[in-house]
mmCIF file of all heavy atoms, coordinates in Angstrom:
data_MODEL
# 
_entry.id   MODEL 
# 
loop_
_atom_site.group_PDB 
_atom_site.id 
_atom_site.type_symbol 
_atom_site.label_atom_id 
_atom_site.label_alt_id 
_atom_site.label_comp_id 
_atom_site.label_asym_id 
_atom_site.label_entity_id 
_atom_site.label_seq_id 
_atom_site.pdbx_PDB_ins_code 
_atom_site.Cartn_x 
_atom_site.Cartn_y 
_atom_site.Cartn_z 
_atom_site.occupancy 
_atom_site.B_iso_or_equiv 
_atom_site.pdbx_formal_charge 
_atom_site.auth_seq_id 
_atom_site.auth_comp_id 
_atom_site.auth_asym_id 
_atom_site.auth_atom_id 
_atom_site.pdbx_PDB_model_num 
ATOM 1   N N   . LEU A 1 1  ? -0.032 10.102  7.277   1.00 0.00 ? 1  LEU A N   1 
ATOM 2   C CA  . LEU A 1 1  ? 0.261  9.981   5.720   1.00 0.00 ? 1  LEU A CA  1 
ATOM 3   C C   . LEU A 1 1  ? -0.909 10.549  4.982   1.00 0.00 ? 1  LEU A C   1 
ATOM 4   O O   . LEU A 1 1  ? -1.989 10.587  5.393   1.00 0.00 ? 1  LEU A O   1 
ATOM 5   C CB  . LEU A 1 1  ? 0.484  8.554   5.352   1.00 0.00 ? 1  LEU A CB  1 
ATOM 6   C CG  . LEU A 1 1  ? 1.627  7.771   5.988   1.00 0.00 ? 1  LEU A CG  1 
ATOM 7   C CD1 . LEU A 1 1  ? 1.571  6.219   5.677   1.00 0.00 ? 1  LEU A CD1 1 
ATOM 8   C CD2 . LEU A 1 1  ? 2.917  8.348   5.602   1.00 0.00 ? 1  LEU A CD2 1 
ATOM 9   N N   . ASP A 1 2  ? -0.677 11.141  3.764   1.00 0.00 ? 2  ASP A N   1 
ATOM 10  C CA  . ASP A 1 2  ? -1.644 11.607  2.815   1.00 0.00 ? 2  ASP A CA  1 
ATOM 11  C C   . ASP A 1 2  ? -1.837 10.536  1.702   1.00 0.00 ? 2  ASP A C   1 
ATOM 12  O O   . ASP A 1 2  ? -2.755 10.720  1.016   1.00 0.00 ? 2  ASP A O   1 
ATOM 13  C CB  . ASP A 1 2  ? -1.136 12.898  2.280   1.00 0.00 ? 2  ASP A CB  1 
ATOM 14  C CG  . ASP A 1 2  ? -1.102 13.979  3.224   1.00 0.00 ? 2  ASP A CG  1 
ATOM 15  O OD1 . ASP A 1 2  ? -2.102 14.520  3.709   1.00 0.00 ? 2  ASP A OD1 1 
ATOM 16  O OD2 . ASP A 1 2  ? 0.021  14.353  3.802   1.00 0.00 ? 2  ASP A OD2 1 
ATOM 17  N N   . GLY A 1 3  ? -0.966 9.483   1.572   1.00 0.00 ? 3  GLY A N   1 
ATOM 18  C CA  . GLY A 1 3  ? -1.238 8.663   0.636   1.00 0.00 ? 3  GLY A CA  1 
ATOM 19  C C   . GLY A 1 3  ? -0.195 7.496   0.645   1.00 0.00 ? 3  GLY A C   1 
ATOM 20  O O   . GLY A 1 3  ? 0.844  7.656   1.148   1.00 0.00 ? 3  GLY A O   1 
ATOM 21  N N   . ILE A 1 4  ? -0.425 6.352   -0.048  1.00 0.00 ? 4  ILE A N   1 
ATOM 22  C CA  . ILE A 1 4  ? 0.431  5.266   -0.328  1.00 0.00 ? 4  ILE A CA  1 
ATOM 23  C C   . ILE A 1 4  ? 0.567  5.046   -1.751  1.00 0.00 ? 4  ILE A C   1 
ATOM 24  O O   . ILE A 1 4  ? -0.348 5.093   -2.476  1.00 0.00 ? 4  ILE A O   1 
ATOM 25  C CB  . ILE A 1 4  ? -0.018 4.072   0.401   1.00 0.00 ? 4  ILE A CB  1 
ATOM 26  C CG1 . ILE A 1 4  ? -0.237 4.120   1.933   1.00 0.00 ? 4  ILE A CG1 1 
ATOM 27  C CG2 . ILE A 1 4  ? 0.926  2.794   0.158   1.00 0.00 ? 4  ILE A CG2 1 
ATOM 28  C CD1 . ILE A 1 4  ? -0.937 3.028   2.603   1.00 0.00 ? 4  ILE A CD1 1 
ATOM 29  N N   . LEU A 1 5  ? 1.812  4.901   -2.311  1.00 0.00 ? 5  LEU A N   1 
ATOM 30  C CA  . LEU A 1 5  ? 2.104  4.733   -3.656  1.00 0.00 ? 5  LEU A CA  1 
ATOM 31  C C   . LEU A 1 5  ? 2.604  3.278   -3.885  1.00 0.00 ? 5  LEU A C   1 
ATOM 32  O O   . LEU A 1 5  ? 3.648  2.934   -3.465  1.00 0.00 ? 5  LEU A O   1 
ATOM 33  C CB  . LEU A 1 5  ? 3.175  5.671   -4.152  1.00 0.00 ? 5  LEU A CB  1 
ATOM 34  C CG  . LEU A 1 5  ? 2.890  7.147   -3.927  1.00 0.00 ? 5  LEU A CG  1 
ATOM 35  C CD1 . LEU A 1 5  ? 4.101  7.987   -4.504  1.00 0.00 ? 5  LEU A CD1 1 
ATOM 36  C CD2 . LEU A 1 5  ? 1.637  7.624   -4.678  1.00 0.00 ? 5  LEU A CD2 1 
ATOM 37  N N   . LEU A 1 6  ? 1.808  2.381   -4.458  1.00 0.00 ? 6  LEU A N   1 
ATOM 38  C CA  . LEU A 1 6  ? 2.121  1.026   -4.882  1.00 0.00 ? 6  LEU A CA  1 
ATOM 39  C C   . LEU A 1 6  ? 2.513  1.035   -6.397  1.00 0.00 ? 6  LEU A C   1 
ATOM 40  O O   . LEU A 1 6  ? 1.875  1.476   -7.254  1.00 0.00 ? 6  LEU A O   1 
ATOM 41  C CB  . LEU A 1 6  ? 0.992  0.103   -4.616  1.00 0.00 ? 6  LEU A CB  1 
ATOM 42  C CG  . LEU A 1 6  ? 0.708  -0.261  -3.143  1.00 0.00 ? 6  LEU A CG  1 
ATOM 43  C CD1 . LEU A 1 6  ? -0.480 -1.308  -3.109  1.00 0.00 ? 6  LEU A CD1 1 
ATOM 44  C CD2 . LEU A 1 6  ? 1.958  -0.997  -2.567  1.00 0.00 ? 6  LEU A CD2 1 
ATOM 45  N N   . THR A 1 7  ? 3.602  0.328   -6.652  1.00 0.00 ? 7  THR A N   1 
ATOM 46  C CA  . THR A 1 7  ? 4.125  0.303   -7.992  1.00 0.00 ? 7  THR A CA  1 
ATOM 47  C C   . THR A 1 7  ? 3.729  -0.969  -8.730  1.00 0.00 ? 7  THR A C   1 
ATOM 48  O O   . THR A 1 7  ? 3.316  -0.950  -9.888  1.00 0.00 ? 7  THR A O   1 
ATOM 49  C CB  . THR A 1 7  ? 5.644  0.436   -8.150  1.00 0.00 ? 7  THR A CB  1 
ATOM 50  O OG1 . THR A 1 7  ? 6.194  -0.513  -7.394  1.00 0.00 ? 7  THR A OG1 1 
ATOM 51  C CG2 . THR A 1 7  ? 6.067  1.784   -7.612  1.00 0.00 ? 7  THR A CG2 1 
ATOM 52  N N   . HIS A 1 8  ? 3.697  -2.157  -8.000  1.00 0.00 ? 8  HIS A N   1 
ATOM 53  C CA  . HIS A 1 8  ? 3.402  -3.331  -8.773  1.00 0.00 ? 8  HIS A CA  1 
ATOM 54  C C   . HIS A 1 8  ? 3.147  -4.463  -7.609  1.00 0.00 ? 8  HIS A C   1 
ATOM 55  O O   . HIS A 1 8  ? 3.240  -4.153  -6.446  1.00 0.00 ? 8  HIS A O   1 
ATOM 56  C CB  . HIS A 1 8  ? 4.489  -3.810  -9.754  1.00 0.00 ? 8  HIS A CB  1 
ATOM 57  C CG  . HIS A 1 8  ? 5.856  -4.076  -9.211  1.00 0.00 ? 8  HIS A CG  1 
ATOM 58  N ND1 . HIS A 1 8  ? 6.633  -3.058  -8.673  1.00 0.00 ? 8  HIS A ND1 1 
ATOM 59  C CD2 . HIS A 1 8  ? 6.586  -5.126  -9.049  1.00 0.00 ? 8  HIS A CD2 1 
ATOM 60  C CE1 . HIS A 1 8  ? 7.806  -3.462  -8.317  1.00 0.00 ? 8  HIS A CE1 1 
ATOM 61  N NE2 . HIS A 1 8  ? 7.684  -4.910  -8.495  1.00 0.00 ? 8  HIS A NE2 1 
ATOM 62  N N   . ALA A 1 9  ? 2.806  -5.676  -8.126  1.00 0.00 ? 9  ALA A N   1 
ATOM 63  C CA  . ALA A 1 9  ? 2.370  -6.680  -7.245  1.00 0.00 ? 9  ALA A CA  1 
ATOM 64  C C   . ALA A 1 9  ? 3.330  -7.630  -6.689  1.00 0.00 ? 9  ALA A C   1 
ATOM 65  O O   . ALA A 1 9  ? 3.026  -8.594  -5.876  1.00 0.00 ? 9  ALA A O   1 
ATOM 66  C CB  . ALA A 1 9  ? 1.192  -7.571  -8.000  1.00 0.00 ? 9  ALA A CB  1 
ATOM 67  N N   . HIS A 1 10 ? 4.643  -7.558  -7.037  1.00 0.00 ? 10 HIS A N   1 
ATOM 68  C CA  . HIS A 1 10 ? 5.677  -8.408  -6.507  1.00 0.00 ? 10 HIS A CA  1 
ATOM 69  C C   . HIS A 1 10 ? 5.648  -8.330  -4.932  1.00 0.00 ? 10 HIS A C   1 
ATOM 70  O O   . HIS A 1 10 ? 5.452  -7.315  -4.327  1.00 0.00 ? 10 HIS A O   1 
ATOM 71  C CB  . HIS A 1 10 ? 7.037  -8.036  -7.062  1.00 0.00 ? 10 HIS A CB  1 
ATOM 72  C CG  . HIS A 1 10 ? 7.246  -8.549  -8.517  1.00 0.00 ? 10 HIS A CG  1 
ATOM 73  N ND1 . HIS A 1 10 ? 8.227  -8.072  -9.320  1.00 0.00 ? 10 HIS A ND1 1 
ATOM 74  C CD2 . HIS A 1 10 ? 6.564  -9.372  -9.337  1.00 0.00 ? 10 HIS A CD2 1 
ATOM 75  C CE1 . HIS A 1 10 ? 8.044  -8.615  -10.508 1.00 0.00 ? 10 HIS A CE1 1 
ATOM 76  N NE2 . HIS A 1 10 ? 7.048  -9.442  -10.544 1.00 0.00 ? 10 HIS A NE2 1 
ATOM 77  N N   . ALA A 1 11 ? 6.053  -9.473  -4.367  1.00 0.00 ? 11 ALA A N   1 
ATOM 78  C CA  . ALA A 1 11 ? 5.973  -9.583  -2.772  1.00 0.00 ? 11 ALA A CA  1 
ATOM 79  C C   . ALA A 1 11 ? 6.798  -8.620  -2.131  1.00 0.00 ? 11 ALA A C   1 
ATOM 80  O O   . ALA A 1 11 ? 6.488  -8.066  -1.030  1.00 0.00 ? 11 ALA A O   1 
ATOM 81  C CB  . ALA A 1 11 ? 6.198  -10.960 -2.518  1.00 0.00 ? 11 ALA A CB  1 
ATOM 82  N N   . ASP A 1 12 ? 7.984  -8.207  -2.796  1.00 0.00 ? 12 ASP A N   1 
ATOM 83  C CA  . ASP A 1 12 ? 8.882  -7.277  -1.972  1.00 0.00 ? 12 ASP A CA  1 
ATOM 84  C C   . ASP A 1 12 ? 8.371  -5.855  -2.098  1.00 0.00 ? 12 ASP A C   1 
ATOM 85  O O   . ASP A 1 12 ? 8.768  -4.997  -1.413  1.00 0.00 ? 12 ASP A O   1 
ATOM 86  C CB  . ASP A 1 12 ? 10.305 -7.393  -2.498  1.00 0.00 ? 12 ASP A CB  1 
ATOM 87  C CG  . ASP A 1 12 ? 10.473 -7.136  -3.978  1.00 0.00 ? 12 ASP A CG  1 
ATOM 88  O OD1 . ASP A 1 12 ? 9.451  -7.365  -4.759  1.00 0.00 ? 12 ASP A OD1 1 
ATOM 89  O OD2 . ASP A 1 12 ? 11.463 -6.741  -4.505  1.00 0.00 ? 12 ASP A OD2 1 
ATOM 90  N N   . HIS A 1 13 ? 7.311  -5.652  -3.010  1.00 0.00 ? 13 HIS A N   1 
ATOM 91  C CA  . HIS A 1 13 ? 6.779  -4.227  -3.109  1.00 0.00 ? 13 HIS A CA  1 
ATOM 92  C C   . HIS A 1 13 ? 5.388  -4.191  -2.544  1.00 0.00 ? 13 HIS A C   1 
ATOM 93  O O   . HIS A 1 13 ? 4.988  -3.159  -2.146  1.00 0.00 ? 13 HIS A O   1 
ATOM 94  C CB  . HIS A 1 13 ? 6.838  -3.745  -4.535  1.00 0.00 ? 13 HIS A CB  1 
ATOM 95  C CG  . HIS A 1 13 ? 8.174  -3.571  -5.142  1.00 0.00 ? 13 HIS A CG  1 
ATOM 96  N ND1 . HIS A 1 13 ? 8.682  -2.255  -5.278  1.00 0.00 ? 13 HIS A ND1 1 
ATOM 97  C CD2 . HIS A 1 13 ? 9.206  -4.275  -5.384  1.00 0.00 ? 13 HIS A CD2 1 
ATOM 98  C CE1 . HIS A 1 13 ? 9.983  -2.247  -5.752  1.00 0.00 ? 13 HIS A CE1 1 
ATOM 99  N NE2 . HIS A 1 13 ? 10.313 -3.574  -5.721  1.00 0.00 ? 13 HIS A NE2 1 
ATOM 100 N N   . LEU A 1 14 ? 4.759  -5.282  -2.689  1.00 0.00 ? 14 LEU A N   1 
ATOM 101 C CA  . LEU A 1 14 ? 3.320  -5.374  -2.079  1.00 0.00 ? 14 LEU A CA  1 
ATOM 102 C C   . LEU A 1 14 ? 3.285  -6.324  -0.950  1.00 0.00 ? 14 LEU A C   1 
ATOM 103 O O   . LEU A 1 14 ? 3.272  -7.570  -1.305  1.00 0.00 ? 14 LEU A O   1 
ATOM 104 C CB  . LEU A 1 14 ? 2.307  -5.695  -3.250  1.00 0.00 ? 14 LEU A CB  1 
ATOM 105 C CG  . LEU A 1 14 ? 0.890  -6.029  -2.764  1.00 0.00 ? 14 LEU A CG  1 
ATOM 106 C CD1 . LEU A 1 14 ? 0.286  -4.931  -1.930  1.00 0.00 ? 14 LEU A CD1 1 
ATOM 107 C CD2 . LEU A 1 14 ? 0.029  -6.409  -3.922  1.00 0.00 ? 14 LEU A CD2 1 
ATOM 108 N N   . SER A 1 15 ? 3.206  -5.797  0.294   1.00 0.00 ? 15 SER A N   1 
ATOM 109 C CA  . SER A 1 15 ? 3.242  -6.691  1.409   1.00 0.00 ? 15 SER A CA  1 
ATOM 110 C C   . SER A 1 15 ? 1.736  -6.573  2.004   1.00 0.00 ? 15 SER A C   1 
ATOM 111 O O   . SER A 1 15 ? 1.439  -5.457  2.545   1.00 0.00 ? 15 SER A O   1 
ATOM 112 C CB  . SER A 1 15 ? 4.321  -6.422  2.408   1.00 0.00 ? 15 SER A CB  1 
ATOM 113 O OG  . SER A 1 15 ? 3.897  -6.866  3.668   1.00 0.00 ? 15 SER A OG  1 
ATOM 114 N N   . PHE A 1 16 ? 0.993  -7.620  1.992   1.00 0.00 ? 16 PHE A N   1 
ATOM 115 C CA  . PHE A 1 16 ? -0.476 -7.454  2.506   1.00 0.00 ? 16 PHE A CA  1 
ATOM 116 C C   . PHE A 1 16 ? -0.235 -7.248  4.041   1.00 0.00 ? 16 PHE A C   1 
ATOM 117 O O   . PHE A 1 16 ? -1.154 -6.554  4.627   1.00 0.00 ? 16 PHE A O   1 
ATOM 118 C CB  . PHE A 1 16 ? -1.254 -8.711  2.180   1.00 0.00 ? 16 PHE A CB  1 
ATOM 119 C CG  . PHE A 1 16 ? -1.577 -8.747  0.641   1.00 0.00 ? 16 PHE A CG  1 
ATOM 120 C CD1 . PHE A 1 16 ? -0.960 -9.688  -0.004  1.00 0.00 ? 16 PHE A CD1 1 
ATOM 121 C CD2 . PHE A 1 16 ? -2.439 -7.874  0.116   1.00 0.00 ? 16 PHE A CD2 1 
ATOM 122 C CE1 . PHE A 1 16 ? -1.120 -9.872  -1.430  1.00 0.00 ? 16 PHE A CE1 1 
ATOM 123 C CE2 . PHE A 1 16 ? -2.742 -7.961  -1.271  1.00 0.00 ? 16 PHE A CE2 1 
ATOM 124 C CZ  . PHE A 1 16 ? -2.037 -8.986  -2.003  1.00 0.00 ? 16 PHE A CZ  1 
ATOM 125 N N   . SER A 1 17 ? 0.597  -7.910  4.748   1.00 0.00 ? 17 SER A N   1 
ATOM 126 C CA  . SER A 1 17 ? 0.713  -7.757  6.211   1.00 0.00 ? 17 SER A CA  1 
ATOM 127 C C   . SER A 1 17 ? 1.049  -6.317  6.621   1.00 0.00 ? 17 SER A C   1 
ATOM 128 O O   . SER A 1 17 ? 0.615  -5.851  7.594   1.00 0.00 ? 17 SER A O   1 
ATOM 129 C CB  . SER A 1 17 ? 1.654  -8.816  6.702   1.00 0.00 ? 17 SER A CB  1 
ATOM 130 O OG  . SER A 1 17 ? 3.032  -8.532  6.188   1.00 0.00 ? 17 SER A OG  1 
ATOM 131 N N   . SER A 1 18 ? 1.908  -5.770  5.740   1.00 0.00 ? 18 SER A N   1 
ATOM 132 C CA  . SER A 1 18 ? 2.198  -4.308  5.955   1.00 0.00 ? 18 SER A CA  1 
ATOM 133 C C   . SER A 1 18 ? 1.076  -3.385  5.742   1.00 0.00 ? 18 SER A C   1 
ATOM 134 O O   . SER A 1 18 ? 0.922  -2.431  6.515   1.00 0.00 ? 18 SER A O   1 
ATOM 135 C CB  . SER A 1 18 ? 3.401  -3.940  5.138   1.00 0.00 ? 18 SER A CB  1 
ATOM 136 O OG  . SER A 1 18 ? 4.587  -4.699  5.432   1.00 0.00 ? 18 SER A OG  1 
ATOM 137 N N   . LEU A 1 19 ? 0.391  -3.609  4.632   1.00 0.00 ? 19 LEU A N   1 
ATOM 138 C CA  . LEU A 1 19 ? -0.742 -2.753  4.461   1.00 0.00 ? 19 LEU A CA  1 
ATOM 139 C C   . LEU A 1 19 ? -1.876 -2.854  5.398   1.00 0.00 ? 19 LEU A C   1 
ATOM 140 O O   . LEU A 1 19 ? -2.534 -1.954  5.779   1.00 0.00 ? 19 LEU A O   1 
ATOM 141 C CB  . LEU A 1 19 ? -1.492 -3.167  2.986   1.00 0.00 ? 19 LEU A CB  1 
ATOM 142 C CG  . LEU A 1 19 ? -0.788 -2.813  1.700   1.00 0.00 ? 19 LEU A CG  1 
ATOM 143 C CD1 . LEU A 1 19 ? -1.690 -3.227  0.518   1.00 0.00 ? 19 LEU A CD1 1 
ATOM 144 C CD2 . LEU A 1 19 ? -0.392 -1.322  1.670   1.00 0.00 ? 19 LEU A CD2 1 
ATOM 145 N N   . ASP A 1 20 ? -1.887 -4.053  6.099   1.00 0.00 ? 20 ASP A N   1 
ATOM 146 C CA  . ASP A 1 20 ? -2.872 -4.222  7.208   1.00 0.00 ? 20 ASP A CA  1 
ATOM 147 C C   . ASP A 1 20 ? -2.477 -3.396  8.479   1.00 0.00 ? 20 ASP A C   1 
ATOM 148 O O   . ASP A 1 20 ? -3.313 -3.151  9.226   1.00 0.00 ? 20 ASP A O   1 
ATOM 149 C CB  . ASP A 1 20 ? -2.898 -5.650  7.562   1.00 0.00 ? 20 ASP A CB  1 
ATOM 150 C CG  . ASP A 1 20 ? -3.655 -6.617  6.495   1.00 0.00 ? 20 ASP A CG  1 
ATOM 151 O OD1 . ASP A 1 20 ? -4.356 -5.993  5.532   1.00 0.00 ? 20 ASP A OD1 1 
ATOM 152 O OD2 . ASP A 1 20 ? -3.424 -7.795  6.444   1.00 0.00 ? 20 ASP A OD2 1 
ATOM 153 N N   . LEU A 1 21 ? -1.245 -2.998  8.487   1.00 0.00 ? 21 LEU A N   1 
ATOM 154 C CA  . LEU A 1 21 ? -0.860 -2.181  9.670   1.00 0.00 ? 21 LEU A CA  1 
ATOM 155 C C   . LEU A 1 21 ? -1.103 -0.682  9.401   1.00 0.00 ? 21 LEU A C   1 
ATOM 156 O O   . LEU A 1 21 ? -0.885 0.146   10.379  1.00 0.00 ? 21 LEU A O   1 
ATOM 157 C CB  . LEU A 1 21 ? 0.626  -2.425  9.858   1.00 0.00 ? 21 LEU A CB  1 
ATOM 158 C CG  . LEU A 1 21 ? 1.048  -3.871  10.339  1.00 0.00 ? 21 LEU A CG  1 
ATOM 159 C CD1 . LEU A 1 21 ? 2.522  -3.963  10.406  1.00 0.00 ? 21 LEU A CD1 1 
ATOM 160 C CD2 . LEU A 1 21 ? 0.410  -4.184  11.683  1.00 0.00 ? 21 LEU A CD2 1 
ATOM 161 N N   . LEU A 1 22 ? -1.274 -0.319  8.147   1.00 0.00 ? 22 LEU A N   1 
ATOM 162 C CA  . LEU A 1 22 ? -1.334 1.144   7.782   1.00 0.00 ? 22 LEU A CA  1 
ATOM 163 C C   . LEU A 1 22 ? -2.841 1.605   7.768   1.00 0.00 ? 22 LEU A C   1 
ATOM 164 O O   . LEU A 1 22 ? -3.757 0.751   7.562   1.00 0.00 ? 22 LEU A O   1 
ATOM 165 C CB  . LEU A 1 22 ? -0.735 1.451   6.459   1.00 0.00 ? 22 LEU A CB  1 
ATOM 166 C CG  . LEU A 1 22 ? 0.803  0.959   6.530   1.00 0.00 ? 22 LEU A CG  1 
ATOM 167 C CD1 . LEU A 1 22 ? 1.403  1.048   5.041   1.00 0.00 ? 22 LEU A CD1 1 
ATOM 168 C CD2 . LEU A 1 22 ? 1.595  2.074   7.238   1.00 0.00 ? 22 LEU A CD2 1 
ATOM 169 N N   . PRO A 1 23 ? -2.955 2.890   7.859   1.00 0.00 ? 23 PRO A N   1 
ATOM 170 C CA  . PRO A 1 23 ? -4.461 3.470   7.891   1.00 0.00 ? 23 PRO A CA  1 
ATOM 171 C C   . PRO A 1 23 ? -5.178 3.167   6.450   1.00 0.00 ? 23 PRO A C   1 
ATOM 172 O O   . PRO A 1 23 ? -4.479 3.155   5.542   1.00 0.00 ? 23 PRO A O   1 
ATOM 173 C CB  . PRO A 1 23 ? -4.233 4.959   8.192   1.00 0.00 ? 23 PRO A CB  1 
ATOM 174 C CG  . PRO A 1 23 ? -2.819 5.206   7.766   1.00 0.00 ? 23 PRO A CG  1 
ATOM 175 C CD  . PRO A 1 23 ? -2.047 4.023   8.098   1.00 0.00 ? 23 PRO A CD  1 
ATOM 176 N N   . ARG A 1 24 ? -6.397 3.037   6.655   1.00 0.00 ? 24 ARG A N   1 
ATOM 177 C CA  . ARG A 1 24 ? -7.267 2.943   5.447   1.00 0.00 ? 24 ARG A CA  1 
ATOM 178 C C   . ARG A 1 24 ? -8.080 3.989   5.130   1.00 0.00 ? 24 ARG A C   1 
ATOM 179 O O   . ARG A 1 24 ? -9.072 3.974   4.268   1.00 0.00 ? 24 ARG A O   1 
ATOM 180 C CB  . ARG A 1 24 ? -8.143 1.700   5.588   1.00 0.00 ? 24 ARG A CB  1 
ATOM 181 C CG  . ARG A 1 24 ? -7.329 0.280   5.750   1.00 0.00 ? 24 ARG A CG  1 
ATOM 182 C CD  . ARG A 1 24 ? -8.052 -0.934  5.598   1.00 0.00 ? 24 ARG A CD  1 
ATOM 183 N NE  . ARG A 1 24 ? -7.203 -2.086  5.756   1.00 0.00 ? 24 ARG A NE  1 
ATOM 184 C CZ  . ARG A 1 24 ? -7.666 -3.243  5.326   1.00 0.00 ? 24 ARG A CZ  1 
ATOM 185 N NH1 . ARG A 1 24 ? -8.680 -3.530  4.501   1.00 0.00 ? 24 ARG A NH1 1 
ATOM 186 N NH2 . ARG A 1 24 ? -6.794 -4.478  5.498   1.00 0.00 ? 24 ARG A NH2 1 
ATOM 187 N N   . ASP A 1 25 ? -7.845 5.116   5.760   1.00 0.00 ? 25 ASP A N   1 
ATOM 188 C CA  . ASP A 1 25 ? -8.609 6.388   5.486   1.00 0.00 ? 25 ASP A CA  1 
ATOM 189 C C   . ASP A 1 25 ? -7.790 7.379   4.571   1.00 0.00 ? 25 ASP A C   1 
ATOM 190 O O   . ASP A 1 25 ? -8.082 8.486   4.486   1.00 0.00 ? 25 ASP A O   1 
ATOM 191 C CB  . ASP A 1 25 ? -9.001 7.058   6.696   1.00 0.00 ? 25 ASP A CB  1 
ATOM 192 C CG  . ASP A 1 25 ? -7.890 7.443   7.625   1.00 0.00 ? 25 ASP A CG  1 
ATOM 193 O OD1 . ASP A 1 25 ? -6.741 6.975   7.379   1.00 0.00 ? 25 ASP A OD1 1 
ATOM 194 O OD2 . ASP A 1 25 ? -8.115 8.298   8.572   1.00 0.00 ? 25 ASP A OD2 1 
ATOM 195 N N   . ILE A 1 26 ? -6.824 6.777   3.895   1.00 0.00 ? 26 ILE A N   1 
ATOM 196 C CA  . ILE A 1 26 ? -6.010 7.635   3.018   1.00 0.00 ? 26 ILE A CA  1 
ATOM 197 C C   . ILE A 1 26 ? -5.986 6.897   1.673   1.00 0.00 ? 26 ILE A C   1 
ATOM 198 O O   . ILE A 1 26 ? -6.126 5.561   1.637   1.00 0.00 ? 26 ILE A O   1 
ATOM 199 C CB  . ILE A 1 26 ? -4.567 7.807   3.487   1.00 0.00 ? 26 ILE A CB  1 
ATOM 200 C CG1 . ILE A 1 26 ? -3.786 6.446   3.760   1.00 0.00 ? 26 ILE A CG1 1 
ATOM 201 C CG2 . ILE A 1 26 ? -4.582 8.711   4.764   1.00 0.00 ? 26 ILE A CG2 1 
ATOM 202 C CD1 . ILE A 1 26 ? -2.349 6.561   4.069   1.00 0.00 ? 26 ILE A CD1 1 
ATOM 203 N N   . PRO A 1 27 ? -5.700 7.471   0.494   1.00 0.00 ? 27 PRO A N   1 
ATOM 204 C CA  . PRO A 1 27 ? -5.727 6.687   -0.753  1.00 0.00 ? 27 PRO A CA  1 
ATOM 205 C C   . PRO A 1 27 ? -4.575 5.895   -0.911  1.00 0.00 ? 27 PRO A C   1 
ATOM 206 O O   . PRO A 1 27 ? -3.407 6.141   -0.527  1.00 0.00 ? 27 PRO A O   1 
ATOM 207 C CB  . PRO A 1 27 ? -5.739 7.922   -1.812  1.00 0.00 ? 27 PRO A CB  1 
ATOM 208 C CG  . PRO A 1 27 ? -5.225 9.058   -1.178  1.00 0.00 ? 27 PRO A CG  1 
ATOM 209 C CD  . PRO A 1 27 ? -5.678 8.961   0.348   1.00 0.00 ? 27 PRO A CD  1 
ATOM 210 N N   . LEU A 1 28 ? -4.820 4.694   -1.512  1.00 0.00 ? 28 LEU A N   1 
ATOM 211 C CA  . LEU A 1 28 ? -3.778 3.727   -1.845  1.00 0.00 ? 28 LEU A CA  1 
ATOM 212 C C   . LEU A 1 28 ? -3.692 3.590   -3.298  1.00 0.00 ? 28 LEU A C   1 
ATOM 213 O O   . LEU A 1 28 ? -4.414 2.932   -3.981  1.00 0.00 ? 28 LEU A O   1 
ATOM 214 C CB  . LEU A 1 28 ? -4.212 2.359   -1.196  1.00 0.00 ? 28 LEU A CB  1 
ATOM 215 C CG  . LEU A 1 28 ? -3.305 1.116   -1.441  1.00 0.00 ? 28 LEU A CG  1 
ATOM 216 C CD1 . LEU A 1 28 ? -1.906 1.272   -1.102  1.00 0.00 ? 28 LEU A CD1 1 
ATOM 217 C CD2 . LEU A 1 28 ? -3.998 -0.182  -0.877  1.00 0.00 ? 28 LEU A CD2 1 
ATOM 218 N N   . PHE A 1 29 ? -2.692 4.479   -3.865  1.00 0.00 ? 29 PHE A N   1 
ATOM 219 C CA  . PHE A 1 29 ? -2.742 4.487   -5.351  1.00 0.00 ? 29 PHE A CA  1 
ATOM 220 C C   . PHE A 1 29 ? -1.924 3.332   -6.043  1.00 0.00 ? 29 PHE A C   1 
ATOM 221 O O   . PHE A 1 29 ? -0.834 2.893   -5.456  1.00 0.00 ? 29 PHE A O   1 
ATOM 222 C CB  . PHE A 1 29 ? -2.050 5.818   -5.814  1.00 0.00 ? 29 PHE A CB  1 
ATOM 223 C CG  . PHE A 1 29 ? -2.763 7.037   -5.342  1.00 0.00 ? 29 PHE A CG  1 
ATOM 224 C CD1 . PHE A 1 29 ? -2.242 7.913   -4.346  1.00 0.00 ? 29 PHE A CD1 1 
ATOM 225 C CD2 . PHE A 1 29 ? -3.981 7.341   -6.027  1.00 0.00 ? 29 PHE A CD2 1 
ATOM 226 C CE1 . PHE A 1 29 ? -3.025 9.130   -4.013  1.00 0.00 ? 29 PHE A CE1 1 
ATOM 227 C CE2 . PHE A 1 29 ? -4.696 8.491   -5.573  1.00 0.00 ? 29 PHE A CE2 1 
ATOM 228 C CZ  . PHE A 1 29 ? -4.176 9.333   -4.620  1.00 0.00 ? 29 PHE A CZ  1 
ATOM 229 N N   . ALA A 1 30 ? -2.504 2.808   -7.123  1.00 0.00 ? 30 ALA A N   1 
ATOM 230 C CA  . ALA A 1 30 ? -1.854 1.581   -7.669  1.00 0.00 ? 30 ALA A CA  1 
ATOM 231 C C   . ALA A 1 30 ? -2.165 1.600   -9.131  1.00 0.00 ? 30 ALA A C   1 
ATOM 232 O O   . ALA A 1 30 ? -3.254 2.155   -9.479  1.00 0.00 ? 30 ALA A O   1 
ATOM 233 C CB  . ALA A 1 30 ? -2.332 0.360   -6.894  1.00 0.00 ? 30 ALA A CB  1 
ATOM 234 N N   . PRO A 1 31 ? -1.549 0.794   -9.987  1.00 0.00 ? 31 PRO A N   1 
ATOM 235 C CA  . PRO A 1 31 ? -1.984 0.606   -11.283 1.00 0.00 ? 31 PRO A CA  1 
ATOM 236 C C   . PRO A 1 31 ? -3.432 -0.059  -11.273 1.00 0.00 ? 31 PRO A C   1 
ATOM 237 O O   . PRO A 1 31 ? -3.747 -0.762  -10.352 1.00 0.00 ? 31 PRO A O   1 
ATOM 238 C CB  . PRO A 1 31 ? -1.119 -0.520  -11.868 1.00 0.00 ? 31 PRO A CB  1 
ATOM 239 C CG  . PRO A 1 31 ? 0.292  -0.175  -11.173 1.00 0.00 ? 31 PRO A CG  1 
ATOM 240 C CD  . PRO A 1 31 ? -0.288 0.120   -9.613  1.00 0.00 ? 31 PRO A CD  1 
# 
């Protein structure tokens, strides 16, 4: 991946357990 796009904080859109499975050397764009 080249980036992750987060739109808001609701649990169905922001899953911390899912973020923990994804690489952290790419930008995680969010408000």
